[in-house]
C-alpha atoms as a PDB file:
ATOM      1  CA  MET A   1     115.203  38.613 103.909  1.00  0.00           C
ATOM      2  CA  LYS A   2     111.947  39.883 102.562  1.00  0.00           C
ATOM      3  CA  LYS A   3     109.018  37.660 102.868  1.00  0.00           C
ATOM      4  CA  LYS A   4     107.208  36.944  99.377  1.00  0.00           C
ATOM      5  CA  VAL A   5     103.206  36.773  99.271  1.00  0.00           C
ATOM      6  CA  PHE A   6     101.018  35.948  96.546  1.00  0.00           C
ATOM      7  CA  ILE A   7      97.793  37.978  96.003  1.00  0.00           C
ATOM      8  CA  SER A   8      94.980  36.275  94.473  1.00  0.00           C
ATOM      9  CA  TYR A   9      91.593  38.005  93.705  1.00  0.00           C
ATOM     10  CA  ALA A  10      89.079  38.023  90.911  1.00  0.00           C
ATOM     11  CA  TRP A  11      89.434  40.832  88.381  1.00  0.00           C
ATOM     12  CA  GLY A  12      86.373  43.116  88.880  1.00  0.00           C
ATOM     13  CA  THR A  13      85.254  46.637  89.033  1.00  0.00           C
ATOM     14  CA  LYS A  14      88.036  49.445  88.525  1.00  0.00           C
ATOM     15  CA  GLU A  15      87.496  50.238  91.984  1.00  0.00           C
ATOM     16  CA  HIS A  16      88.264  46.780  93.243  1.00  0.00           C
ATOM     17  CA  ASP A  17      91.013  46.052  90.837  1.00  0.00           C
ATOM     18  CA  ASP A  18      92.735  49.642  92.051  1.00  0.00           C
ATOM     19  CA  TRP A  19      92.233  48.406  95.764  1.00  0.00           C
ATOM     20  CA  VAL A  20      94.131  45.350  94.943  1.00  0.00           C
ATOM     21  CA  LEU A  21      96.805  46.999  93.697  1.00  0.00           C
ATOM     22  CA  ASN A  22      96.692  49.749  96.146  1.00  0.00           C
ATOM     23  CA  LEU A  23      97.216  46.959  99.039  1.00  0.00           C
ATOM     24  CA  SER A  24      99.963  45.620  96.945  1.00  0.00           C
ATOM     25  CA  LYS A  25     101.883  48.802  96.822  1.00  0.00           C
ATOM     26  CA  ARG A  26     101.244  49.409 100.281  1.00  0.00           C
ATOM     27  CA  LEU A  27     102.858  45.739 101.085  1.00  0.00           C
ATOM     28  CA  MET A  28     105.882  46.474  98.996  1.00  0.00           C
ATOM     29  CA  THR A  29     106.509  49.687 100.949  1.00  0.00           C
ATOM     30  CA  ASP A  30     106.693  47.772 103.993  1.00  0.00           C
ATOM     31  CA  THR A  31     109.280  45.325 102.527  1.00  0.00           C
ATOM     32  CA  VAL A  32     107.011  42.548 101.429  1.00  0.00           C
ATOM     33  CA  ASP A  33     107.943  41.250  98.119  1.00  0.00           C
ATOM     34  CA  VAL A  34     104.355  41.008  96.154  1.00  0.00           C
ATOM     35  CA  VAL A  35     103.609  38.581  93.519  1.00  0.00           C
ATOM     36  CA  LEU A  36     100.672  40.028  91.472  1.00  0.00           C
ATOM     37  CA  ASP A  37      99.355  38.805  88.267  1.00  0.00           C
ATOM     38  CA  LYS A  38      99.549  42.366  86.925  1.00  0.00           C
ATOM     39  CA  TRP A  39     103.244  42.472  87.581  1.00  0.00           C
ATOM     40  CA  SER A  40     104.405  38.836  87.181  1.00  0.00           C
ATOM     41  CA  LEU A  41     101.973  37.043  84.564  1.00  0.00           C
ATOM     42  CA  LYS A  42     103.511  37.337  81.141  1.00  0.00           C
ATOM     43  CA  GLU A  43     101.207  37.890  78.321  1.00  0.00           C
ATOM     44  CA  GLY A  44     100.335  34.136  76.871  1.00  0.00           C
ATOM     45  CA  GLN A  45     101.265  32.459  79.806  1.00  0.00           C
ATOM     46  CA  ASP A  46      98.975  30.226  81.606  1.00  0.00           C
ATOM     47  CA  LYS A  47      97.103  31.885  84.441  1.00  0.00           C
ATOM     48  CA  ILE A  48      95.837  28.729  86.033  1.00  0.00           C
ATOM     49  CA  LYS A  49      99.551  27.307  85.753  1.00  0.00           C
ATOM     50  CA  PHE A  50     100.856  30.535  87.058  1.00  0.00           C
ATOM     51  CA  MET A  51      98.564  30.718  90.130  1.00  0.00           C
ATOM     52  CA  GLU A  52      99.218  26.874  90.934  1.00  0.00           C
ATOM     53  CA  GLN A  53     103.051  27.574  90.775  1.00  0.00           C
ATOM     54  CA  MET A  54     102.697  30.398  93.190  1.00  0.00           C
ATOM     55  CA  VAL A  55     100.560  28.210  95.519  1.00  0.00           C
ATOM     56  CA  LYS A  56     102.825  25.733  95.646  1.00  0.00           C
ATOM     57  CA  SER A  57     106.269  27.700  95.538  1.00  0.00           C
ATOM     58  CA  ASP A  58     108.665  27.607  98.495  1.00  0.00           C
ATOM     59  CA  ASP A  59     109.688  30.915  97.905  1.00  0.00           C
ATOM     60  CA  VAL A  60     106.226  32.083  98.714  1.00  0.00           C
ATOM     61  CA  PHE A  61     105.342  32.591 102.451  1.00  0.00           C
ATOM     62  CA  ARG A  62     101.813  33.148 102.285  1.00  0.00           C
ATOM     63  CA  VAL A  63      99.214  33.611  99.903  1.00  0.00           C
ATOM     64  CA  ILE A  64      96.368  36.506 100.384  1.00  0.00           C
ATOM     65  CA  ILE A  65      93.113  35.599  98.695  1.00  0.00           C
ATOM     66  CA  VAL A  66      91.357  39.341  98.110  1.00  0.00           C
ATOM     67  CA  CYS A  67      87.502  37.910  98.164  1.00  0.00           C
ATOM     68  CA  ASP A  68      84.530  39.767  96.828  1.00  0.00           C
ATOM     69  CA  LYS A  69      81.287  38.789  95.743  1.00  0.00           C
ATOM     70  CA  LYS A  70      82.380  38.087  92.090  1.00  0.00           C
ATOM     71  CA  TYR A  71      85.397  35.868  93.482  1.00  0.00           C
ATOM     72  CA  SER A  72      83.136  33.882  95.780  1.00  0.00           C
ATOM     73  CA  GLU A  73      80.779  32.975  92.795  1.00  0.00           C
ATOM     74  CA  LYS A  74      83.818  31.977  90.820  1.00  0.00           C
ATOM     75  CA  ALA A  75      85.240  29.627  93.281  1.00  0.00           C
END
C-alpha cells in the first residue's frame, strides 16, 4: 500500500514552485502518493478547507511543509 503525503508550501518564485513540483514528482517516482494543490485542488474549491481536510485525513500518512521566507512570513 502506498503512503500518502500532503505537501504544504507557500506559492512564491517560479524557482521555488518548480522545486516543490520536482520534489513531488520524485516522491511519486518512489511510490509515495502525493497530494499537491496544483494536482488536487479544484477550481473554485476553498483552499483553506482543502488544506484542513488534508491535515485531518486518515488517508494522509504525513504532512510535508516546505518553508521559505515567504511561508514563514505568512505563518
